């Protein structure tokens, strides 16, 4: 990793998450800052890929079907030996809708930036 200029930020982190970061940093013999940056870089890449896929291709179609058909989610949960409560179904649907909307915003912003570059 290059020693390019870094921006200094302040964040609030759950103590349990920070303990996990510290354990990873210690195991890798790197600084907490380096570990956080790497984890964020990898997580951001994964999140960008997810947002790109949502609403497009097979992933988007499957998600739309699942969000619009809670009975399918119930069947799937039973197949793995579990049962979803109404609250869980609502959280899944709300969360999925939020991801779909975030994906639309991300793709819109990403396309705009790509066109400008």
C-alpha atoms as a PDB file:
ATOM      1  CA  UNK A   1       0.000   0.000   0.000  1.00  0.00           C
ATOM      2  CA  UNK A   2       1.390   3.413  -0.890  1.00  0.00           C
ATOM      3  CA  UNK A   3       2.053   6.056   1.699  1.00  0.00           C
ATOM      4  CA  UNK A   4      -0.113   8.591  -0.127  1.00  0.00           C
ATOM      5  CA  UNK A   5      -1.729  11.414   1.806  1.00  0.00           C
ATOM      6  CA  UNK A   6      -4.602  10.184   3.949  1.00  0.00           C
ATOM      7  CA  UNK A   7      -7.610  12.107   5.206  1.00  0.00           C
ATOM      8  CA  UNK A   8      -8.066  12.041   8.961  1.00  0.00           C
ATOM      9  CA  UNK A   9     -11.635  11.323  10.073  1.00  0.00           C
ATOM     10  CA  UNK A  10     -13.443  10.679  13.340  1.00  0.00           C
ATOM     11  CA  UNK A  11     -15.881   7.792  13.601  1.00  0.00           C
ATOM     12  CA  UNK A  12     -17.866   6.121  16.345  1.00  0.00           C
ATOM     13  CA  UNK A  13     -17.524   2.332  16.428  1.00  0.00           C
ATOM     14  CA  UNK A  14     -19.221  -0.315  18.535  1.00  0.00           C
ATOM     15  CA  UNK A  15     -16.663  -1.602  21.079  1.00  0.00           C
ATOM     16  CA  UNK A  16     -17.211  -5.213  19.976  1.00  0.00           C
ATOM     17  CA  UNK A  17     -16.405  -4.282  16.375  1.00  0.00           C
ATOM     18  CA  UNK A  18     -13.320  -2.369  17.473  1.00  0.00           C
ATOM     19  CA  UNK A  19     -12.152  -5.405  19.458  1.00  0.00           C
ATOM     20  CA  UNK A  20     -12.471  -7.496  16.306  1.00  0.00           C
ATOM     21  CA  UNK A  21     -10.505  -4.914  14.311  1.00  0.00           C
ATOM     22  CA  UNK A  22      -7.787  -4.863  16.968  1.00  0.00           C
ATOM     23  CA  UNK A  23      -7.545  -8.666  16.967  1.00  0.00           C
ATOM     24  CA  UNK A  24      -7.184  -8.676  13.178  1.00  0.00           C
ATOM     25  CA  UNK A  25      -4.576  -5.912  13.292  1.00  0.00           C
ATOM     26  CA  UNK A  26      -2.588  -7.790  15.917  1.00  0.00           C
ATOM     27  CA  UNK A  27      -2.745 -11.055  13.963  1.00  0.00           C
ATOM     28  CA  UNK A  28      -1.587  -9.287  10.778  1.00  0.00           C
ATOM     29  CA  UNK A  29       0.977  -7.210  12.653  1.00  0.00           C
ATOM     30  CA  UNK A  30      -0.379  -4.001  11.204  1.00  0.00           C
ATOM     31  CA  UNK A  31      -1.798  -0.814  12.647  1.00  0.00           C
ATOM     32  CA  UNK A  32      -5.425  -0.405  13.584  1.00  0.00           C
ATOM     33  CA  UNK A  33      -5.664   2.320  10.940  1.00  0.00           C
ATOM     34  CA  UNK A  34      -4.275   0.054   8.202  1.00  0.00           C
ATOM     35  CA  UNK A  35      -6.685  -2.709   9.177  1.00  0.00           C
ATOM     36  CA  UNK A  36      -9.686  -0.394   9.175  1.00  0.00           C
ATOM     37  CA  UNK A  37      -8.705   1.036   5.786  1.00  0.00           C
ATOM     38  CA  UNK A  38      -8.291  -2.436   4.260  1.00  0.00           C
ATOM     39  CA  UNK A  39     -11.563  -3.701   5.730  1.00  0.00           C
ATOM     40  CA  UNK A  40     -13.395  -0.599   4.513  1.00  0.00           C
ATOM     41  CA  UNK A  41     -11.822  -0.852   1.042  1.00  0.00           C
ATOM     42  CA  UNK A  42     -12.863  -4.508   0.724  1.00  0.00           C
ATOM     43  CA  UNK A  43     -16.300  -3.845   2.189  1.00  0.00           C
ATOM     44  CA  UNK A  44     -16.835  -0.836  -0.084  1.00  0.00           C
ATOM     45  CA  UNK A  45     -15.945  -2.951  -3.125  1.00  0.00           C
ATOM     46  CA  UNK A  46     -18.433  -5.636  -2.052  1.00  0.00           C
ATOM     47  CA  UNK A  47     -21.120  -3.017  -1.391  1.00  0.00           C
ATOM     48  CA  UNK A  48     -20.515  -1.362  -4.783  1.00  0.00           C
ATOM     49  CA  UNK A  49     -20.850  -4.735  -6.517  1.00  0.00           C
ATOM     50  CA  UNK A  50     -24.090  -5.414  -4.649  1.00  0.00           C
ATOM     51  CA  UNK A  51     -25.524  -2.006  -5.518  1.00  0.00           C
ATOM     52  CA  UNK A  52     -24.543  -2.444  -9.179  1.00  0.00           C
ATOM     53  CA  UNK A  53     -26.339  -5.795  -9.354  1.00  0.00           C
ATOM     54  CA  UNK A  54     -29.526  -4.823  -7.537  1.00  0.00           C
ATOM     55  CA  UNK A  55     -32.244  -4.065 -10.024  1.00  0.00           C
ATOM     56  CA  UNK A  56     -30.293  -5.500 -12.941  1.00  0.00           C
ATOM     57  CA  UNK A  57     -29.744  -8.985 -14.212  1.00  0.00           C
ATOM     58  CA  UNK A  58     -30.887 -12.121 -12.474  1.00  0.00           C
ATOM     59  CA  UNK A  59     -30.061 -10.806  -8.992  1.00  0.00           C
ATOM     60  CA  UNK A  60     -32.405  -7.867  -9.388  1.00  0.00           C
ATOM     61  CA  UNK A  61     -35.214 -10.000 -10.768  1.00  0.00           C
ATOM     62  CA  UNK A  62     -34.873 -12.580  -7.995  1.00  0.00           C
ATOM     63  CA  UNK A  63     -34.830  -9.870  -5.340  1.00  0.00           C
ATOM     64  CA  UNK A  64     -37.951  -8.261  -6.796  1.00  0.00           C
ATOM     65  CA  UNK A  65     -39.778 -11.595  -6.776  1.00  0.00           C
ATOM     66  CA  UNK A  66     -38.767 -12.288  -3.171  1.00  0.00           C
ATOM     67  CA  UNK A  67     -39.718  -8.818  -1.965  1.00  0.00           C
ATOM     68  CA  UNK A  68     -43.112  -8.982  -3.641  1.00  0.00           C
ATOM     69  CA  UNK A  69     -43.899 -12.536  -2.503  1.00  0.00           C
ATOM     70  CA  UNK A  70     -43.412 -13.031   1.236  1.00  0.00           C
ATOM     71  CA  UNK A  71     -44.849 -16.539   0.937  1.00  0.00           C
ATOM     72  CA  UNK A  72     -41.735 -17.526  -1.055  1.00  0.00           C
ATOM     73  CA  UNK A  73     -39.541 -16.233   1.771  1.00  0.00           C
ATOM     74  CA  UNK A  74     -41.581 -18.320   4.216  1.00  0.00           C
ATOM     75  CA  UNK A  75     -41.161 -21.458   2.103  1.00  0.00           C
ATOM     76  CA  UNK A  76     -37.431 -20.835   1.771  1.00  0.00           C
ATOM     77  CA  UNK A  77     -37.047 -20.408   5.523  1.00  0.00           C
ATOM     78  CA  UNK A  78     -38.930 -23.657   6.127  1.00  0.00           C
ATOM     79  CA  UNK A  79     -36.634 -25.458   3.672  1.00  0.00           C
ATOM     80  CA  UNK A  80     -33.683 -24.598   5.895  1.00  0.00           C
ATOM     81  CA  UNK A  81     -35.582 -25.611   9.027  1.00  0.00           C
ATOM     82  CA  UNK A  82     -36.605 -22.184  10.256  1.00  0.00           C
ATOM     83  CA  UNK A  83     -39.712 -20.049  10.299  1.00  0.00           C
ATOM     84  CA  UNK A  84     -39.854 -16.286   9.845  1.00  0.00           C
ATOM     85  CA  UNK A  85     -41.994 -14.160  12.106  1.00  0.00           C
ATOM     86  CA  UNK A  86     -44.084 -11.339  10.678  1.00  0.00           C
ATOM     87  CA  UNK A  87     -41.554  -8.847  12.096  1.00  0.00           C
ATOM     88  CA  UNK A  88     -38.686 -10.653  10.363  1.00  0.00           C
ATOM     89  CA  UNK A  89     -40.567 -10.698   7.062  1.00  0.00           C
ATOM     90  CA  UNK A  90     -41.263  -6.986   7.364  1.00  0.00           C
ATOM     91  CA  UNK A  91     -37.602  -6.235   8.150  1.00  0.00           C
ATOM     92  CA  UNK A  92     -36.456  -8.304   5.164  1.00  0.00           C
ATOM     93  CA  UNK A  93     -38.896  -6.601   2.832  1.00  0.00           C
ATOM     94  CA  UNK A  94     -38.112  -3.104   4.127  1.00  0.00           C
ATOM     95  CA  UNK A  95     -34.387  -3.788   4.038  1.00  0.00           C
ATOM     96  CA  UNK A  96     -34.616  -5.190   0.527  1.00  0.00           C
ATOM     97  CA  UNK A  97     -36.588  -2.206  -0.688  1.00  0.00           C
ATOM     98  CA  UNK A  98     -33.952   0.088   0.838  1.00  0.00           C
ATOM     99  CA  UNK A  99     -31.194  -1.814  -0.971  1.00  0.00           C
ATOM    100  CA  UNK A 100     -33.082  -1.615  -4.263  1.00  0.00           C
ATOM    101  CA  UNK A 101     -33.527   2.148  -3.870  1.00  0.00           C
ATOM    102  CA  UNK A 102     -29.872   2.537  -2.864  1.00  0.00           C
ATOM    103  CA  UNK A 103     -28.879   0.554  -5.942  1.00  0.00           C
ATOM    104  CA  UNK A 104     -30.903   2.861  -8.169  1.00  0.00           C
ATOM    105  CA  UNK A 105     -29.298   5.933  -6.603  1.00  0.00           C
ATOM    106  CA  UNK A 106     -25.829   4.407  -6.826  1.00  0.00           C
ATOM    107  CA  UNK A 107     -26.212   3.421 -10.482  1.00  0.00           C
ATOM    108  CA  UNK A 108     -27.592   6.845 -11.309  1.00  0.00           C
ATOM    109  CA  UNK A 109     -24.673   8.597  -9.593  1.00  0.00           C
ATOM    110  CA  UNK A 110     -22.133   6.132 -10.964  1.00  0.00           C
ATOM    111  CA  UNK A 111     -23.383   6.549 -14.547  1.00  0.00           C
ATOM    112  CA  UNK A 112     -23.310  10.328 -14.161  1.00  0.00           C
ATOM    113  CA  UNK A 113     -19.721  10.289 -12.885  1.00  0.00           C
ATOM    114  CA  UNK A 114     -18.651   7.870 -15.626  1.00  0.00           C
ATOM    115  CA  UNK A 115     -20.151  10.127 -18.326  1.00  0.00           C
ATOM    116  CA  UNK A 116     -18.385  13.194 -16.895  1.00  0.00           C
ATOM    117  CA  UNK A 117     -14.950  11.474 -16.753  1.00  0.00           C
END
